[in-house]
């Protein structure tokens, strides 16, 4: 199991001194949402990088920052003719206006066209492949980070699952003897209502029919069976490899649905307390599942 929360980084240097640095950060998200930050000069490799990210990460919000630092020492040329032209024109203007006639080296270098620095070449195939390799390394580091988070996440989910199984067993125990308790409560209620009514008699058949109706309304056999089945599937997913977050999220919704239905049917104090504990731990389970890839 992997968490959606992770961090990875990689730095690599080409023989020509070009340094590629990549940071990968991720947090939970319902789907895969990639934010890729790179300079315009790397736009040609963006599609390739996004495909690689989609291959390695199933879901989550992922921030990827790619920095490429080229070596210093780019070719610079000094245009002597342009500097001489600027200097001569300035002398003429200075004489006419009574200004200082000399231009400093700093002044000349700041003028357009005097100092020319060759721009870095476009991204070649070699650099594109190098950036991709660096991303591979960063993603491996990122995966290791998510695996470590996943170990703790799995332990927490297994612990909560054990609690959920315990709550279901408790509910199964609470409903034992339910029909008898319903009949006793109904007879007691009727006895109070009929106290002092003289010769009024309630037919046994009618009483049995009412008990059967109330017992049917309080029957949670199917709900408990579905809760058990969902928890079996949860156990299977927790022990499986690969992305299981979406499936676990769906099962969490189904568990909560069955717990709500069970709570609406069982009104006895013991069963109601068990349902509250069940729903509380389902919510805790849901919070943890939000981080599962």
C-alpha atoms as a PDB file:
ATOM      1  CA  UNK A   1       0.000   0.000   0.000  1.00  0.00           C
ATOM      2  CA  UNK A   2       1.185   3.485  -0.853  1.00  0.00           C
ATOM      3  CA  UNK A   3       0.236   6.808   0.588  1.00  0.00           C
ATOM      4  CA  UNK A   4      -0.568   9.694  -1.734  1.00  0.00           C
ATOM      5  CA  UNK A   5       1.636  11.913   0.422  1.00  0.00           C
ATOM      6  CA  UNK A   6       5.307  11.841  -0.515  1.00  0.00           C
ATOM      7  CA  UNK A   7       8.441  13.745  -1.422  1.00  0.00           C
ATOM      8  CA  UNK A   8      11.251  12.944  -3.854  1.00  0.00           C
ATOM      9  CA  UNK A   9      14.199  14.765  -5.328  1.00  0.00           C
ATOM     10  CA  UNK A  10      17.043  14.189  -7.774  1.00  0.00           C
ATOM     11  CA  UNK A  11      20.020  16.184  -9.026  1.00  0.00           C
ATOM     12  CA  UNK A  12      22.152  15.158 -11.993  1.00  0.00           C
ATOM     13  CA  UNK A  13      24.981  16.811 -13.914  1.00  0.00           C
ATOM     14  CA  UNK A  14      25.797  16.354 -17.595  1.00  0.00           C
ATOM     15  CA  UNK A  15      29.373  16.170 -18.861  1.00  0.00           C
ATOM     16  CA  UNK A  16      29.056  19.736 -20.201  1.00  0.00           C
ATOM     17  CA  UNK A  17      28.253  21.018 -16.705  1.00  0.00           C
ATOM     18  CA  UNK A  18      24.471  21.352 -17.157  1.00  0.00           C
ATOM     19  CA  UNK A  19      22.738  20.599 -13.828  1.00  0.00           C
ATOM     20  CA  UNK A  20      19.184  19.225 -13.681  1.00  0.00           C
ATOM     21  CA  UNK A  21      17.358  19.427 -10.334  1.00  0.00           C
ATOM     22  CA  UNK A  22      13.881  17.949  -9.831  1.00  0.00           C
ATOM     23  CA  UNK A  23      11.546  18.075  -6.828  1.00  0.00           C
ATOM     24  CA  UNK A  24       8.389  15.957  -6.594  1.00  0.00           C
ATOM     25  CA  UNK A  25       5.810  16.618  -3.873  1.00  0.00           C
ATOM     26  CA  UNK A  26       2.370  15.019  -3.577  1.00  0.00           C
ATOM     27  CA  UNK A  27      -0.691  15.148  -1.338  1.00  0.00           C
ATOM     28  CA  UNK A  28      -4.044  13.409  -1.421  1.00  0.00           C
ATOM     29  CA  UNK A  29      -6.557  14.116  -4.189  1.00  0.00           C
ATOM     30  CA  UNK A  30      -9.480  12.201  -5.679  1.00  0.00           C
ATOM     31  CA  UNK A  31      -7.808  11.965  -9.076  1.00  0.00           C
ATOM     32  CA  UNK A  32      -4.366  12.495 -10.596  1.00  0.00           C
ATOM     33  CA  UNK A  33      -3.710  16.238 -10.716  1.00  0.00           C
ATOM     34  CA  UNK A  34      -0.228  17.202 -11.912  1.00  0.00           C
ATOM     35  CA  UNK A  35       1.283  20.678 -11.623  1.00  0.00           C
ATOM     36  CA  UNK A  36       4.490  20.714 -13.675  1.00  0.00           C
ATOM     37  CA  UNK A  37       6.731  23.764 -13.316  1.00  0.00           C
ATOM     38  CA  UNK A  38       9.490  24.167 -15.885  1.00  0.00           C
ATOM     39  CA  UNK A  39      10.971  26.943 -18.008  1.00  0.00           C
ATOM     40  CA  UNK A  40       9.708  27.698 -21.485  1.00  0.00           C
ATOM     41  CA  UNK A  41      12.861  26.285 -23.039  1.00  0.00           C
ATOM     42  CA  UNK A  42      11.789  22.825 -21.766  1.00  0.00           C
ATOM     43  CA  UNK A  43       8.277  22.998 -23.217  1.00  0.00           C
ATOM     44  CA  UNK A  44       9.211  20.383 -25.824  1.00  0.00           C
ATOM     45  CA  UNK A  45       9.715  17.709 -23.135  1.00  0.00           C
ATOM     46  CA  UNK A  46       6.626  18.525 -21.071  1.00  0.00           C
ATOM     47  CA  UNK A  47       4.417  15.915 -22.746  1.00  0.00           C
ATOM     48  CA  UNK A  48       6.978  13.181 -22.178  1.00  0.00           C
ATOM     49  CA  UNK A  49       7.342  14.106 -18.503  1.00  0.00           C
ATOM     50  CA  UNK A  50       3.582  14.132 -17.954  1.00  0.00           C
ATOM     51  CA  UNK A  51       3.240  10.678 -19.497  1.00  0.00           C
ATOM     52  CA  UNK A  52       5.955   9.354 -17.204  1.00  0.00           C
ATOM     53  CA  UNK A  53       4.205  10.832 -14.166  1.00  0.00           C
ATOM     54  CA  UNK A  54       0.896   9.241 -15.191  1.00  0.00           C
ATOM     55  CA  UNK A  55       2.636   5.859 -15.512  1.00  0.00           C
ATOM     56  CA  UNK A  56       4.125   6.017 -12.020  1.00  0.00           C
ATOM     57  CA  UNK A  57       1.404   7.736  -9.976  1.00  0.00           C
ATOM     58  CA  UNK A  58      -2.242   6.609  -9.932  1.00  0.00           C
ATOM     59  CA  UNK A  59      -3.789   9.560  -8.120  1.00  0.00           C
ATOM     60  CA  UNK A  60      -3.011  12.545  -5.917  1.00  0.00           C
ATOM     61  CA  UNK A  61      -2.092  16.195  -6.379  1.00  0.00           C
ATOM     62  CA  UNK A  62       1.504  16.209  -7.575  1.00  0.00           C
ATOM     63  CA  UNK A  63       3.783  19.267  -7.761  1.00  0.00           C
ATOM     64  CA  UNK A  64       6.863  18.777  -9.926  1.00  0.00           C
ATOM     65  CA  UNK A  65       9.551  21.449 -10.248  1.00  0.00           C
ATOM     66  CA  UNK A  66      12.251  21.057 -12.913  1.00  0.00           C
ATOM     67  CA  UNK A  67      15.278  23.363 -12.908  1.00  0.00           C
ATOM     68  CA  UNK A  68      18.028  23.287 -15.499  1.00  0.00           C
ATOM     69  CA  UNK A  69      21.174  25.307 -14.795  1.00  0.00           C
ATOM     70  CA  UNK A  70      23.531  25.693 -17.724  1.00  0.00           C
ATOM     71  CA  UNK A  71      27.280  26.167 -17.198  1.00  0.00           C
ATOM     72  CA  UNK A  72      28.735  29.642 -17.059  1.00  0.00           C
ATOM     73  CA  UNK A  73      31.133  30.786 -19.734  1.00  0.00           C
ATOM     74  CA  UNK A  74      28.625  31.293 -22.533  1.00  0.00           C
ATOM     75  CA  UNK A  75      30.267  32.984 -25.496  1.00  0.00           C
ATOM     76  CA  UNK A  76      30.335  36.763 -25.253  1.00  0.00           C
ATOM     77  CA  UNK A  77      31.529  39.186 -27.970  1.00  0.00           C
ATOM     78  CA  UNK A  78      32.435  42.843 -27.739  1.00  0.00           C
ATOM     79  CA  UNK A  79      31.434  44.930 -30.753  1.00  0.00           C
ATOM     80  CA  UNK A  80      34.303  47.415 -31.041  1.00  0.00           C
ATOM     81  CA  UNK A  81      32.723  49.225 -33.985  1.00  0.00           C
ATOM     82  CA  UNK A  82      29.479  49.787 -32.099  1.00  0.00           C
ATOM     83  CA  UNK A  83      31.360  51.063 -29.038  1.00  0.00           C
ATOM     84  CA  UNK A  84      33.439  53.425 -31.196  1.00  0.00           C
ATOM     85  CA  UNK A  85      30.313  54.710 -32.924  1.00  0.00           C
ATOM     86  CA  UNK A  86      28.586  55.388 -29.598  1.00  0.00           C
ATOM     87  CA  UNK A  87      31.708  57.108 -28.256  1.00  0.00           C
ATOM     88  CA  UNK A  88      32.117  59.343 -31.317  1.00  0.00           C
ATOM     89  CA  UNK A  89      28.453  60.353 -31.367  1.00  0.00           C
ATOM     90  CA  UNK A  90      28.590  61.144 -27.667  1.00  0.00           C
ATOM     91  CA  UNK A  91      31.660  63.352 -28.083  1.00  0.00           C
ATOM     92  CA  UNK A  92      29.888  65.382 -30.766  1.00  0.00           C
ATOM     93  CA  UNK A  93      26.776  65.791 -28.627  1.00  0.00           C
ATOM     94  CA  UNK A  94      28.840  66.590 -25.537  1.00  0.00           C
ATOM     95  CA  UNK A  95      30.805  69.354 -27.288  1.00  0.00           C
ATOM     96  CA  UNK A  96      27.628  70.988 -28.566  1.00  0.00           C
ATOM     97  CA  UNK A  97      26.009  70.890 -25.111  1.00  0.00           C
ATOM     98  CA  UNK A  98      29.028  71.419 -22.894  1.00  0.00           C
ATOM     99  CA  UNK A  99      28.887  67.974 -21.311  1.00  0.00           C
ATOM    100  CA  UNK A 100      31.768  65.654 -20.276  1.00  0.00           C
ATOM    101  CA  UNK A 101      33.018  64.011 -23.433  1.00  0.00           C
ATOM    102  CA  UNK A 102      34.352  60.707 -22.042  1.00  0.00           C
ATOM    103  CA  UNK A 103      32.254  57.559 -21.633  1.00  0.00           C
ATOM    104  CA  UNK A 104      33.359  54.975 -19.059  1.00  0.00           C
ATOM    105  CA  UNK A 105      33.672  51.272 -19.867  1.00  0.00           C
ATOM    106  CA  UNK A 106      30.583  50.602 -17.779  1.00  0.00           C
ATOM    107  CA  UNK A 107      28.638  53.143 -19.793  1.00  0.00           C
ATOM    108  CA  UNK A 108      29.728  51.563 -23.083  1.00  0.00           C
ATOM    109  CA  UNK A 109      28.974  47.978 -22.006  1.00  0.00           C
ATOM    110  CA  UNK A 110      25.465  48.988 -20.965  1.00  0.00           C
ATOM    111  CA  UNK A 111      24.631  50.318 -24.428  1.00  0.00           C
ATOM    112  CA  UNK A 112      22.604  48.067 -26.786  1.00  0.00           C
ATOM    113  CA  UNK A 113      24.668  45.915 -29.136  1.00  0.00           C
ATOM    114  CA  UNK A 114      28.066  46.552 -27.550  1.00  0.00           C
ATOM    115  CA  UNK A 115      28.182  43.357 -25.491  1.00  0.00           C
ATOM    116  CA  UNK A 116      26.567  40.287 -27.003  1.00  0.00           C
ATOM    117  CA  UNK A 117      26.079  37.016 -25.130  1.00  0.00           C
ATOM    118  CA  UNK A 118      25.093  33.981 -27.141  1.00  0.00           C
ATOM    119  CA  UNK A 119      21.860  32.466 -25.880  1.00  0.00           C
ATOM    120  CA  UNK A 120      21.862  28.827 -24.833  1.00  0.00           C
ATOM    121  CA  UNK A 121      20.943  26.428 -27.549  1.00  0.00           C
ATOM    122  CA  UNK A 122      17.499  24.859 -27.624  1.00  0.00           C
ATOM    123  CA  UNK A 123      16.930  21.616 -25.718  1.00  0.00           C
ATOM    124  CA  UNK A 124      18.495  18.806 -27.706  1.00  0.00           C
ATOM    125  CA  UNK A 125      17.513  15.130 -27.598  1.00  0.00           C
ATOM    126  CA  UNK A 126      20.347  14.400 -25.195  1.00  0.00           C
ATOM    127  CA  UNK A 127      19.178  16.970 -22.642  1.00  0.00           C
ATOM    128  CA  UNK A 128      15.564  15.855 -23.002  1.00  0.00           C
ATOM    129  CA  UNK A 129      16.546  12.263 -22.234  1.00  0.00           C
ATOM    130  CA  UNK A 130      18.703  13.467 -19.345  1.00  0.00           C
ATOM    131  CA  UNK A 131      15.789  15.379 -17.806  1.00  0.00           C
ATOM    132  CA  UNK A 132      13.581  12.312 -18.123  1.00  0.00           C
ATOM    133  CA  UNK A 133      16.223  10.145 -16.429  1.00  0.00           C
ATOM    134  CA  UNK A 134      16.462  12.656 -13.592  1.00  0.00           C
ATOM    135  CA  UNK A 135      12.688  12.541 -13.206  1.00  0.00           C
ATOM    136  CA  UNK A 136      12.869   8.735 -13.071  1.00  0.00           C
ATOM    137  CA  UNK A 137      15.301   9.022 -10.164  1.00  0.00           C
ATOM    138  CA  UNK A 138      13.151  11.615  -8.375  1.00  0.00           C
ATOM    139  CA  UNK A 139      10.069   9.428  -8.816  1.00  0.00           C
ATOM    140  CA  UNK A 140      11.919   6.431  -7.358  1.00  0.00           C
ATOM    141  CA  UNK A 141      12.775   8.537  -4.308  1.00  0.00           C
ATOM    142  CA  UNK A 142       9.175   9.775  -4.192  1.00  0.00           C
ATOM    143  CA  UNK A 143       7.841   6.194  -4.369  1.00  0.00           C
ATOM    144  CA  UNK A 144      10.101   5.126  -1.500  1.00  0.00           C
ATOM    145  CA  UNK A 145       8.737   8.010   0.566  1.00  0.00           C
ATOM    146  CA  UNK A 146       5.155   7.012  -0.193  1.00  0.00           C
ATOM    147  CA  UNK A 147       5.942   3.385   0.638  1.00  0.00           C
ATOM    148  CA  UNK A 148       7.199   4.408   4.065  1.00  0.00           C
ATOM    149  CA  UNK A 149       4.050   6.415   4.657  1.00  0.00           C
ATOM    150  CA  UNK A 150       2.032   3.467   3.366  1.00  0.00           C
ATOM    151  CA  UNK A 151       3.426   1.109   6.012  1.00  0.00           C
ATOM    152  CA  UNK A 152       2.085   3.316   8.811  1.00  0.00           C
ATOM    153  CA  UNK A 153      -1.154   3.858   6.908  1.00  0.00           C
ATOM    154  CA  UNK A 154      -1.703   0.118   6.455  1.00  0.00           C
ATOM    155  CA  UNK A 155      -1.125  -0.545  10.157  1.00  0.00           C
ATOM    156  CA  UNK A 156      -3.698   2.110  11.080  1.00  0.00           C
ATOM    157  CA  UNK A 157      -6.277   0.754   8.621  1.00  0.00           C
ATOM    158  CA  UNK A 158      -5.812  -2.822   9.811  1.00  0.00           C
ATOM    159  CA  UNK A 159      -6.292  -1.740  13.413  1.00  0.00           C
ATOM    160  CA  UNK A 160      -9.498   0.126  12.563  1.00  0.00           C
ATOM    161  CA  UNK A 161     -10.751  -2.820  10.495  1.00  0.00           C
ATOM    162  CA  UNK A 162     -10.325  -5.099  13.504  1.00  0.00           C
ATOM    163  CA  UNK A 163     -12.408  -2.668  15.548  1.00  0.00           C
ATOM    164  CA  UNK A 164     -15.116  -2.633  12.866  1.00  0.00           C
ATOM    165  CA  UNK A 165     -15.236  -6.422  12.847  1.00  0.00           C
ATOM    166  CA  UNK A 166     -15.562  -6.335  16.634  1.00  0.00           C
ATOM    167  CA  UNK A 167     -18.478  -3.897  16.439  1.00  0.00           C
ATOM    168  CA  UNK A 168     -20.306  -6.145  13.969  1.00  0.00           C
ATOM    169  CA  UNK A 169     -19.818  -9.154  16.272  1.00  0.00           C
ATOM    170  CA  UNK A 170     -21.134  -7.043  19.134  1.00  0.00           C
ATOM    171  CA  UNK A 171     -24.239  -6.153  17.129  1.00  0.00           C
ATOM    172  CA  UNK A 172     -24.809  -9.808  16.297  1.00  0.00           C
ATOM    173  CA  UNK A 173     -24.668 -10.589  20.010  1.00  0.00           C
ATOM    174  CA  UNK A 174     -26.989  -7.681  20.894  1.00  0.00           C
ATOM    175  CA  UNK A 175     -29.734  -8.925  18.592  1.00  0.00           C
ATOM    176  CA  UNK A 176     -29.812 -12.391  20.139  1.00  0.00           C
ATOM    177  CA  UNK A 177     -33.139 -12.920  21.939  1.00  0.00           C
ATOM    178  CA  UNK A 178     -34.612  -9.858  20.264  1.00  0.00           C
ATOM    179  CA  UNK A 179     -37.954 -11.520  19.469  1.00  0.00           C
ATOM    180  CA  UNK A 180     -38.417 -12.612  23.053  1.00  0.00           C
ATOM    181  CA  UNK A 181     -37.609  -9.130  24.335  1.00  0.00           C
ATOM    182  CA  UNK A 182     -40.034  -7.570  21.871  1.00  0.00           C
ATOM    183  CA  UNK A 183     -42.801  -9.930  22.970  1.00  0.00           C
ATOM    184  CA  UNK A 184     -42.118  -9.276  26.654  1.00  0.00           C
ATOM    185  CA  UNK A 185     -42.116  -5.509  26.141  1.00  0.00           C
ATOM    186  CA  UNK A 186     -45.341  -5.673  24.124  1.00  0.00           C
ATOM    187  CA  UNK A 187     -47.071  -7.816  26.740  1.00  0.00           C
ATOM    188  CA  UNK A 188     -45.971  -5.445  29.470  1.00  0.00           C
ATOM    189  CA  UNK A 189     -47.261  -2.464  27.547  1.00  0.00           C
ATOM    190  CA  UNK A 190     -50.595  -4.151  26.887  1.00  0.00           C
ATOM    191  CA  UNK A 191     -50.901  -5.091  30.505  1.00  0.00           C
ATOM    192  CA  UNK A 192     -50.595  -1.457  31.527  1.00  0.00           C
ATOM    193  CA  UNK A 193     -53.064  -0.328  28.887  1.00  0.00           C
ATOM    194  CA  UNK A 194     -55.604  -2.988  29.825  1.00  0.00           C
ATOM    195  CA  UNK A 195     -55.246  -2.559  33.564  1.00  0.00           C
ATOM    196  CA  UNK A 196     -58.705  -1.960  34.924  1.00  0.00           C
ATOM    197  CA  UNK A 197     -60.362  -2.713  31.572  1.00  0.00           C
ATOM    198  CA  UNK A 198     -62.204  -5.629  33.076  1.00  0.00           C
ATOM    199  CA  UNK A 199     -62.937  -8.540  30.791  1.00  0.00           C
ATOM    200  CA  UNK A 200     -61.061  -7.256  27.701  1.00  0.00           C
ATOM    201  CA  UNK A 201     -58.900 -10.079  26.344  1.00  0.00           C
ATOM    202  CA  UNK A 202     -56.229  -9.883  23.663  1.00  0.00           C
ATOM    203  CA  UNK A 203     -56.109 -12.871  21.355  1.00  0.00           C
ATOM    204  CA  UNK A 204     -52.843 -14.793  21.379  1.00  0.00           C
ATOM    205  CA  UNK A 205     -52.827 -14.908  17.591  1.00  0.00           C
ATOM    206  CA  UNK A 206     -53.160 -11.168  17.343  1.00  0.00           C
ATOM    207  CA  UNK A 207     -50.345 -10.678  19.841  1.00  0.00           C
ATOM    208  CA  UNK A 208     -48.108 -13.081  17.924  1.00  0.00           C
ATOM    209  CA  UNK A 209     -48.837 -11.191  14.707  1.00  0.00           C
ATOM    210  CA  UNK A 210     -47.805  -7.869  16.231  1.00  0.00           C
ATOM    211  CA  UNK A 211     -44.643  -9.398  17.659  1.00  0.00           C
ATOM    212  CA  UNK A 212     -43.778 -10.816  14.235  1.00  0.00           C
ATOM    213  CA  UNK A 213     -44.286  -7.422  12.574  1.00  0.00           C
ATOM    214  CA  UNK A 214     -42.091  -5.626  15.111  1.00  0.00           C
ATOM    215  CA  UNK A 215     -39.422  -8.325  14.896  1.00  0.00           C
ATOM    216  CA  UNK A 216     -39.377  -8.047  11.118  1.00  0.00           C
ATOM    217  CA  UNK A 217     -38.861  -4.282  11.307  1.00  0.00           C
ATOM    218  CA  UNK A 218     -35.954  -4.806  13.704  1.00  0.00           C
ATOM    219  CA  UNK A 219     -34.343  -7.609  11.704  1.00  0.00           C
ATOM    220  CA  UNK A 220     -30.814  -6.610  10.665  1.00  0.00           C
ATOM    221  CA  UNK A 221     -29.639  -9.992   9.417  1.00  0.00           C
ATOM    222  CA  UNK A 222     -29.047  -8.740   5.867  1.00  0.00           C
ATOM    223  CA  UNK A 223     -27.341  -5.567   7.033  1.00  0.00           C
ATOM    224  CA  UNK A 224     -24.926  -7.495   9.229  1.00  0.00           C
ATOM    225  CA  UNK A 225     -24.207  -9.956   6.429  1.00  0.00           C
ATOM    226  CA  UNK A 226     -23.388  -7.096   4.072  1.00  0.00           C
ATOM    227  CA  UNK A 227     -21.193  -5.434   6.702  1.00  0.00           C
ATOM    228  CA  UNK A 228     -19.277  -8.704   7.066  1.00  0.00           C
ATOM    229  CA  UNK A 229     -18.936  -9.054   3.295  1.00  0.00           C
ATOM    230  CA  UNK A 230     -17.661  -5.486   2.938  1.00  0.00           C
ATOM    231  CA  UNK A 231     -15.090  -6.029   5.673  1.00  0.00           C
ATOM    232  CA  UNK A 232     -13.884  -9.221   3.980  1.00  0.00           C
ATOM    233  CA  UNK A 233     -13.320  -7.165   0.811  1.00  0.00           C
ATOM    234  CA  UNK A 234     -11.533  -4.497   2.852  1.00  0.00           C
ATOM    235  CA  UNK A 235      -9.169  -7.149   4.198  1.00  0.00           C
ATOM    236  CA  UNK A 236      -8.500  -8.391   0.678  1.00  0.00           C
ATOM    237  CA  UNK A 237      -7.668  -4.910  -0.569  1.00  0.00           C
ATOM    238  CA  UNK A 238      -5.412  -4.188   2.400  1.00  0.00           C
ATOM    239  CA  UNK A 239      -3.380  -7.282   1.604  1.00  0.00           C
ATOM    240  CA  UNK A 240      -3.222  -6.636  -2.153  1.00  0.00           C
ATOM    241  CA  UNK A 241      -0.649  -4.641  -4.109  1.00  0.00           C
ATOM    242  CA  UNK A 242      -1.415  -1.775  -6.422  1.00  0.00           C
ATOM    243  CA  UNK A 243      -3.733   1.215  -6.094  1.00  0.00           C
ATOM    244  CA  UNK A 244      -6.765   0.448  -3.910  1.00  0.00           C
ATOM    245  CA  UNK A 245      -7.779   3.869  -2.562  1.00  0.00           C
ATOM    246  CA  UNK A 246     -10.804   4.413  -4.799  1.00  0.00           C
ATOM    247  CA  UNK A 247     -12.192   0.948  -4.032  1.00  0.00           C
ATOM    248  CA  UNK A 248     -11.641   1.414  -0.303  1.00  0.00           C
ATOM    249  CA  UNK A 249     -13.338   4.791  -0.463  1.00  0.00           C
ATOM    250  CA  UNK A 250     -16.383   3.197  -2.120  1.00  0.00           C
ATOM    251  CA  UNK A 251     -16.485   0.438   0.508  1.00  0.00           C
ATOM    252  CA  UNK A 252     -16.356   3.050   3.257  1.00  0.00           C
ATOM    253  CA  UNK A 253     -19.527   4.633   1.869  1.00  0.00           C
ATOM    254  CA  UNK A 254     -21.231   1.222   1.764  1.00  0.00           C
ATOM    255  CA  UNK A 255     -20.189   0.450   5.349  1.00  0.00           C
ATOM    256  CA  UNK A 256     -21.636   3.739   6.534  1.00  0.00           C
ATOM    257  CA  UNK A 257     -24.879   3.094   4.627  1.00  0.00           C
ATOM    258  CA  UNK A 258     -25.344  -0.297   6.282  1.00  0.00           C
ATOM    259  CA  UNK A 259     -24.467   1.136   9.709  1.00  0.00           C
ATOM    260  CA  UNK A 260     -27.109   3.872   9.323  1.00  0.00           C
ATOM    261  CA  UNK A 261     -29.750   1.335   8.307  1.00  0.00           C
ATOM    262  CA  UNK A 262     -28.837  -0.901  11.236  1.00  0.00           C
ATOM    263  CA  UNK A 263     -29.071   2.027  13.620  1.00  0.00           C
ATOM    264  CA  UNK A 264     -32.547   2.936  12.362  1.00  0.00           C
ATOM    265  CA  UNK A 265     -33.780  -0.604  13.061  1.00  0.00           C
ATOM    266  CA  UNK A 266     -32.139  -1.381  16.404  1.00  0.00           C
ATOM    267  CA  UNK A 267     -33.336   0.940  19.159  1.00  0.00           C
ATOM    268  CA  UNK A 268     -32.188  -0.913  22.272  1.00  0.00           C
ATOM    269  CA  UNK A 269     -29.557   0.877  24.324  1.00  0.00           C
ATOM    270  CA  UNK A 270     -26.822  -1.738  23.878  1.00  0.00           C
ATOM    271  CA  UNK A 271     -27.316  -2.010  20.140  1.00  0.00           C
ATOM    272  CA  UNK A 272     -27.552   1.779  19.735  1.00  0.00           C
ATOM    273  CA  UNK A 273     -24.226   2.208  21.535  1.00  0.00           C
ATOM    274  CA  UNK A 274     -22.633  -0.438  19.304  1.00  0.00           C
ATOM    275  CA  UNK A 275     -23.929   1.337  16.186  1.00  0.00           C
ATOM    276  CA  UNK A 276     -22.479   4.656  17.392  1.00  0.00           C
ATOM    277  CA  UNK A 277     -19.090   3.041  17.961  1.00  0.00           C
ATOM    278  CA  UNK A 278     -19.300   1.394  14.533  1.00  0.00           C
ATOM    279  CA  UNK A 279     -20.091   4.674  12.778  1.00  0.00           C
ATOM    280  CA  UNK A 280     -17.343   6.506  14.672  1.00  0.00           C
ATOM    281  CA  UNK A 281     -14.701   4.012  13.548  1.00  0.00           C
ATOM    282  CA  UNK A 282     -16.021   4.021   9.980  1.00  0.00           C
ATOM    283  CA  UNK A 283     -15.407   7.783   9.956  1.00  0.00           C
ATOM    284  CA  UNK A 284     -11.884   7.186  11.289  1.00  0.00           C
ATOM    285  CA  UNK A 285     -11.371   4.597   8.564  1.00  0.00           C
ATOM    286  CA  UNK A 286     -12.597   7.083   5.950  1.00  0.00           C
ATOM    287  CA  UNK A 287     -10.107   9.723   7.082  1.00  0.00           C
ATOM    288  CA  UNK A 288      -7.210   7.304   6.685  1.00  0.00           C
ATOM    289  CA  UNK A 289      -8.449   6.036   3.303  1.00  0.00           C
ATOM    290  CA  UNK A 290      -8.298   9.599   1.939  1.00  0.00           C
ATOM    291  CA  UNK A 291      -4.487   9.201   1.836  1.00  0.00           C
ATOM    292  CA  UNK A 292      -4.404   5.800   0.105  1.00  0.00           C
ATOM    293  CA  UNK A 293      -3.342   5.833  -3.542  1.00  0.00           C
END
